[in-house]
Amino acid sequence: MCEHLSFVRTLHPMKAKNEKWLQAEHKRSFSSWFKRKIETELAHPEYSISQQIRWLAHEPKREVLSYSGYGIGGYYYNTRDHDSRSTTQNSGVMVEAESLHMSIAKDKNPIYANMLYYGVIEDIWELNYTQFKIPIFRCKWVDNKGGVKVDENGFTLVDLNKEGDPNDQFIFASQAKQVFYVNDPNGGRWSVVLTTKPKLYDRGDVCDNIEETPSFSRGLPESDDIDNEDVAYVREDCEGIYVEEDTTSRKKRKRT
């Protein structure tokens, strides 16, 4: 990836500092560049090219398998359409990715940073490279500008109607993390994001990994940070009332 970006900068020196244009050109031309590069290196015996890289450069078959559900990495995913006809929800996804950030449209000094993106699976496809298959998700992503926020309690909320870049929809299924969206109790267009850990498989049974489930709120401590033996459960947002124990009401047992 970095090699191709350097190639694009060298090929277009006048636009080498325009990061937004470079990213667009990188996405547009990477596939054809990658194929030519591998074909060139295969003509030279001194280059060692793995079988997987050879098949990737050869491109997948034109026939693509489509699924309404797919299990990978301890999660089971469904498409949005499948969820609409089901009592369960398995189409919510989250992915962490590096992206270009610009303060304004004409920002001349954009930066790269990792961000979390939230979306819903529209299609599940499996690309066939003859020797192996790669599942991918086509998702409708929420626009992080105006479509994602964190409330005062540390909960992440998303507006599923705020769609992000329609030209950047695909991820590898292996990159996805499953999330669930619950309507905000306060109403409105916002949904609360609930994260979960992969399922545990033991002797064919599926059970939730309760101990490993992360906190839904960024403002709550993880279970590892709490000493369960010495915790005093008290509220700090109101004044308490002390009540003395009434020992006179206890009944004594007679010995026989």
Protein backbone atom coordinates (compact mmCIF):
# COMPACT_ATOMS: atom_id res chain seq x y z
CA MET A 1 0.00 0.00 0.00
CA CYS A 2 2.74 2.44 0.97
CA GLU A 3 4.75 1.48 -2.11
CA HIS A 4 1.84 2.33 -4.39
CA LEU A 5 1.29 5.69 -2.66
CA SER A 6 4.96 6.52 -3.26
CA PHE A 7 4.52 5.48 -6.90
CA VAL A 8 1.51 7.79 -7.29
CA ARG A 9 3.40 10.72 -5.74
CA THR A 10 6.32 10.15 -8.13
CA LEU A 11 4.00 9.82 -11.12
CA HIS A 12 2.11 13.02 -10.25
CA PRO A 13 4.63 15.40 -8.62
CA MET A 14 2.36 18.43 -9.07
CA LYS A 15 -0.26 16.81 -6.84
CA ALA A 16 2.09 15.10 -4.41
CA LYS A 17 1.01 17.34 -1.52
CA ASN A 18 -2.71 17.00 -2.15
CA GLU A 19 -3.47 14.15 0.27
CA LYS A 20 -7.17 14.02 -0.58
CA TRP A 21 -6.45 13.58 -4.29
CA LEU A 22 -3.69 11.05 -3.56
CA GLN A 23 -6.07 8.88 -1.53
CA ALA A 24 -8.69 8.95 -4.29
CA GLU A 25 -6.12 8.04 -6.94
CA HIS A 26 -4.67 5.35 -4.69
CA LYS A 27 -8.08 3.64 -4.41
CA ARG A 28 -8.76 4.01 -8.14
CA SER A 29 -5.47 2.67 -9.52
CA PHE A 30 -4.17 0.25 -6.88
CA SER A 31 -5.74 -2.91 -8.36
CA SER A 32 -4.31 -2.48 -11.88
CA TRP A 33 -0.91 -1.37 -10.49
CA PHE A 34 -0.75 -4.42 -8.20
CA LYS A 35 -1.53 -6.81 -11.05
CA ARG A 36 1.16 -5.32 -13.33
CA LYS A 37 3.72 -5.33 -10.53
CA ILE A 38 3.25 -9.04 -9.74
CA GLU A 39 3.29 -9.97 -13.45
CA THR A 40 6.60 -8.10 -13.84
CA GLU A 41 8.17 -9.78 -10.81
CA LEU A 42 7.03 -13.24 -11.93
CA ALA A 43 9.11 -12.75 -15.08
CA HIS A 44 12.22 -12.59 -12.90
CA PRO A 45 13.13 -15.88 -11.15
CA GLU A 46 15.06 -14.04 -8.43
CA TYR A 47 11.79 -12.72 -6.97
CA SER A 48 9.99 -15.01 -4.54
CA ILE A 49 6.22 -14.54 -4.84
CA SER A 50 3.89 -16.56 -2.59
CA GLN A 51 0.99 -18.48 -4.08
CA GLN A 52 -1.49 -16.33 -2.19
CA ILE A 53 -0.08 -13.12 -3.68
CA ARG A 54 -0.16 -14.69 -7.16
CA TRP A 55 -3.84 -15.57 -6.86
CA LEU A 56 -4.70 -12.14 -5.44
CA ALA A 57 -3.05 -10.48 -8.43
CA HIS A 58 -4.94 -12.81 -10.76
CA GLU A 59 -8.23 -11.36 -9.41
CA PRO A 60 -11.24 -13.37 -8.19
CA LYS A 61 -13.74 -15.26 -10.29
CA ARG A 62 -16.61 -13.22 -11.73
CA GLU A 63 -19.18 -15.39 -9.94
CA VAL A 64 -19.70 -14.09 -6.41
CA LEU A 65 -21.57 -16.00 -3.71
CA SER A 66 -24.00 -13.92 -1.68
CA TYR A 67 -25.15 -14.75 1.86
CA SER A 68 -27.82 -13.44 4.21
CA GLY A 69 -25.82 -14.68 7.21
CA TYR A 70 -22.17 -15.47 7.87
CA GLY A 71 -20.16 -16.66 10.86
CA ILE A 72 -16.55 -15.54 11.36
CA GLY A 73 -14.26 -14.72 14.26
CA GLY A 74 -16.71 -15.87 16.91
CA TYR A 75 -19.49 -13.59 15.62
CA TYR A 76 -22.51 -14.40 13.48
CA TYR A 77 -23.65 -11.62 11.15
CA ASN A 78 -26.80 -11.03 9.14
CA THR A 79 -27.65 -8.49 6.47
CA ARG A 80 -30.01 -5.63 7.27
CA ASP A 81 -32.69 -7.23 5.08
CA HIS A 82 -32.45 -10.49 7.01
CA ASP A 83 -32.68 -8.62 10.33
CA SER A 84 -35.83 -6.86 9.16
CA ARG A 85 -37.55 -10.26 9.00
CA SER A 86 -36.10 -11.58 12.26
CA THR A 87 -36.60 -11.02 15.98
CA THR A 88 -32.83 -10.72 16.51
CA GLN A 89 -30.32 -8.10 15.39
CA ASN A 90 -26.98 -9.17 13.92
CA SER A 91 -26.30 -6.61 11.18
CA GLY A 92 -24.54 -3.94 13.25
CA VAL A 93 -20.78 -3.62 12.74
CA MET A 94 -17.88 -1.52 13.92
CA VAL A 95 -14.41 -1.23 12.40
CA GLU A 96 -11.29 0.67 13.41
CA ALA A 97 -9.51 2.17 10.43
CA GLU A 98 -6.92 4.80 9.58
CA SER A 99 -8.35 7.69 7.63
CA LEU A 100 -7.50 11.16 6.43
CA HIS A 101 -8.82 13.96 8.64
CA MET A 102 -9.35 17.50 7.45
CA SER A 103 -10.48 20.42 9.60
CA ILE A 104 -12.01 22.20 6.59
CA ALA A 105 -12.56 21.33 2.93
CA LYS A 106 -9.41 23.21 1.85
CA ASP A 107 -7.21 22.01 4.69
CA LYS A 108 -3.63 21.88 3.37
CA ASN A 109 -2.30 19.93 6.35
CA PRO A 110 -4.63 16.95 6.90
CA ILE A 111 -3.57 14.23 9.31
CA TYR A 112 -3.98 10.47 9.42
CA ALA A 113 -5.54 8.94 12.54
CA ASN A 114 -7.36 5.81 13.62
CA MET A 115 -11.10 6.15 14.09
CA LEU A 116 -14.03 3.90 14.91
CA TYR A 117 -16.71 3.62 12.24
CA TYR A 118 -20.20 2.29 12.86
CA GLY A 119 -22.53 0.84 10.25
CA VAL A 120 -25.00 -1.79 9.12
CA ILE A 121 -24.32 -4.72 6.77
CA GLU A 122 -26.17 -4.44 3.45
CA ASP A 123 -24.57 -7.38 1.61
CA ILE A 124 -22.31 -10.31 2.45
CA TRP A 125 -20.21 -11.56 -0.46
CA GLU A 126 -17.55 -14.24 -0.79
CA LEU A 127 -14.79 -13.66 -3.34
CA ASN A 128 -13.42 -16.85 -4.88
CA TYR A 129 -9.69 -16.82 -5.72
CA THR A 130 -9.74 -20.54 -6.68
CA GLN A 131 -7.29 -21.57 -3.96
CA PHE A 132 -9.01 -19.63 -1.19
CA LYS A 133 -12.06 -17.49 -0.53
CA ILE A 134 -12.35 -14.07 1.11
CA PRO A 135 -15.64 -12.89 2.68
CA ILE A 136 -16.38 -9.17 2.52
CA PHE A 137 -19.15 -6.95 3.87
CA ARG A 138 -20.76 -4.09 1.99
CA CYS A 139 -21.93 -1.69 4.66
CA LYS A 140 -23.81 1.54 5.05
CA TRP A 141 -21.55 3.58 7.33
CA VAL A 142 -22.59 6.37 9.63
CA ASP A 143 -20.97 9.73 8.89
CA ASN A 144 -18.64 10.53 11.79
CA LYS A 145 -19.24 14.23 11.19
CA GLY A 146 -22.59 14.83 12.85
CA GLY A 147 -23.63 11.19 12.98
CA VAL A 148 -21.64 9.98 16.01
CA LYS A 149 -21.42 11.46 19.50
CA VAL A 150 -20.62 10.51 23.09
CA ASP A 151 -23.10 11.61 25.75
CA GLU A 152 -22.38 12.85 29.28
CA ASN A 153 -22.52 9.28 30.63
CA GLY A 154 -19.91 7.99 28.20
CA PHE A 155 -22.30 6.12 25.90
CA THR A 156 -21.66 6.25 22.14
CA LEU A 157 -24.71 7.26 20.11
CA VAL A 158 -25.14 7.14 16.33
CA ASP A 159 -27.63 8.53 13.86
CA LEU A 160 -28.15 5.66 11.42
CA ASN A 161 -29.76 8.03 8.92
CA LYS A 162 -26.52 10.02 8.55
CA GLU A 163 -24.79 8.13 5.75
CA GLY A 164 -21.05 8.45 5.19
CA ASP A 165 -19.04 8.15 1.98
CA PRO A 166 -21.00 5.88 -0.43
CA ASN A 167 -17.79 5.17 -2.37
CA ASP A 168 -16.08 3.53 0.60
CA GLN A 169 -18.43 0.75 1.70
CA PHE A 170 -16.44 -2.49 1.77
CA ILE A 171 -14.45 -4.15 4.55
CA PHE A 172 -13.02 -7.62 5.04
CA ALA A 173 -15.34 -9.68 7.24
CA SER A 174 -12.32 -10.43 9.45
CA GLN A 175 -11.99 -6.71 10.22
CA ALA A 176 -15.51 -6.34 11.62
CA LYS A 177 -16.56 -6.25 15.27
CA GLN A 178 -20.23 -6.81 16.07
CA VAL A 179 -22.29 -4.12 17.75
CA PHE A 180 -25.98 -3.67 18.55
CA TYR A 181 -28.05 -0.53 18.24
CA VAL A 182 -30.72 0.30 20.81
CA ASN A 183 -33.07 3.26 20.44
CA ASP A 184 -32.11 6.08 22.77
CA PRO A 185 -34.59 6.12 25.71
CA ASN A 186 -34.65 9.91 25.44
CA GLY A 187 -36.18 9.56 21.99
CA GLY A 188 -35.09 11.30 18.82
CA ARG A 189 -33.05 9.93 15.97
CA TRP A 190 -30.15 8.57 18.05
CA SER A 191 -29.32 4.93 18.83
CA VAL A 192 -27.06 3.71 21.64
CA VAL A 193 -24.13 1.51 20.56
CA LEU A 194 -23.69 -1.69 22.58
CA THR A 195 -20.50 -3.67 22.05
CA THR A 196 -19.94 -7.34 22.73
CA LYS A 197 -17.21 -9.94 22.70
CA PRO A 198 -17.07 -13.01 20.41
CA LYS A 199 -18.96 -16.10 21.52
CA LEU A 200 -17.26 -18.97 23.32
CA TYR A 201 -17.63 -22.39 21.73
CA ASP A 202 -17.41 -25.39 24.06
CA ARG A 203 -18.43 -28.90 22.97
CA GLY A 204 -20.70 -27.50 20.29
CA ASP A 205 -22.60 -25.17 22.66
CA VAL A 206 -22.52 -21.42 22.34
CA CYS A 207 -22.38 -19.25 25.44
CA ASP A 208 -21.76 -15.57 26.03
CA ASN A 209 -18.38 -14.63 27.41
CA ILE A 210 -19.87 -12.56 30.22
CA GLU A 211 -16.61 -11.91 32.06
CA GLU A 212 -14.98 -10.54 28.91
CA THR A 213 -17.87 -8.30 27.85
CA PRO A 214 -16.70 -4.65 27.83
CA SER A 215 -18.56 -1.84 29.51
CA PHE A 216 -21.24 -0.25 27.32
CA SER A 217 -20.25 3.17 28.62
CA ARG A 218 -16.84 4.81 28.45
CA GLY A 219 -17.59 6.33 31.85
CA LEU A 220 -17.93 3.01 33.68
CA PRO A 221 -14.93 1.06 35.01
CA GLU A 222 -14.06 -2.35 33.64
CA SER A 223 -14.67 -5.33 35.92
CA ASP A 224 -10.92 -5.86 36.32
CA ASP A 225 -10.62 -2.40 37.92
CA ILE A 226 -13.00 -3.28 40.77
CA ASP A 227 -12.11 -5.30 43.87
CA ASN A 228 -15.39 -7.11 44.44
CA GLU A 229 -14.53 -8.06 48.03
CA ASP A 230 -14.04 -4.50 49.31
CA VAL A 231 -16.53 -2.52 47.26
CA ALA A 232 -18.93 -0.24 49.14
CA TYR A 233 -21.94 0.47 46.96
CA VAL A 234 -22.93 4.04 47.76
CA ARG A 235 -24.45 6.93 45.82
CA GLU A 236 -22.66 10.24 45.75
CA ASP A 237 -25.38 12.30 44.05
CA CYS A 238 -27.63 12.56 47.12
CA GLU A 239 -27.39 12.72 50.94
CA GLY A 240 -27.77 9.39 52.71
CA ILE A 241 -29.77 8.47 55.84
CA TYR A 242 -28.22 6.37 58.59
CA VAL A 243 -30.53 3.74 60.13
CA GLU A 244 -29.67 2.00 63.40
CA GLU A 245 -30.25 -1.71 63.66
CA ASP A 246 -33.26 -2.65 65.82
CA THR A 247 -32.06 -5.51 67.99
CA THR A 248 -35.21 -5.69 70.14
CA SER A 249 -37.29 -7.16 67.37
CA ARG A 250 -35.12 -10.21 66.95
CA LYS A 251 -36.58 -13.48 68.20
CA LYS A 252 -34.40 -15.79 70.22
CA ARG A 253 -34.48 -19.49 69.66
CA LYS A 254 -35.17 -21.65 72.73
CA ARG A 255 -32.91 -24.55 73.39
CA THR A 256 -34.67 -27.89 73.82
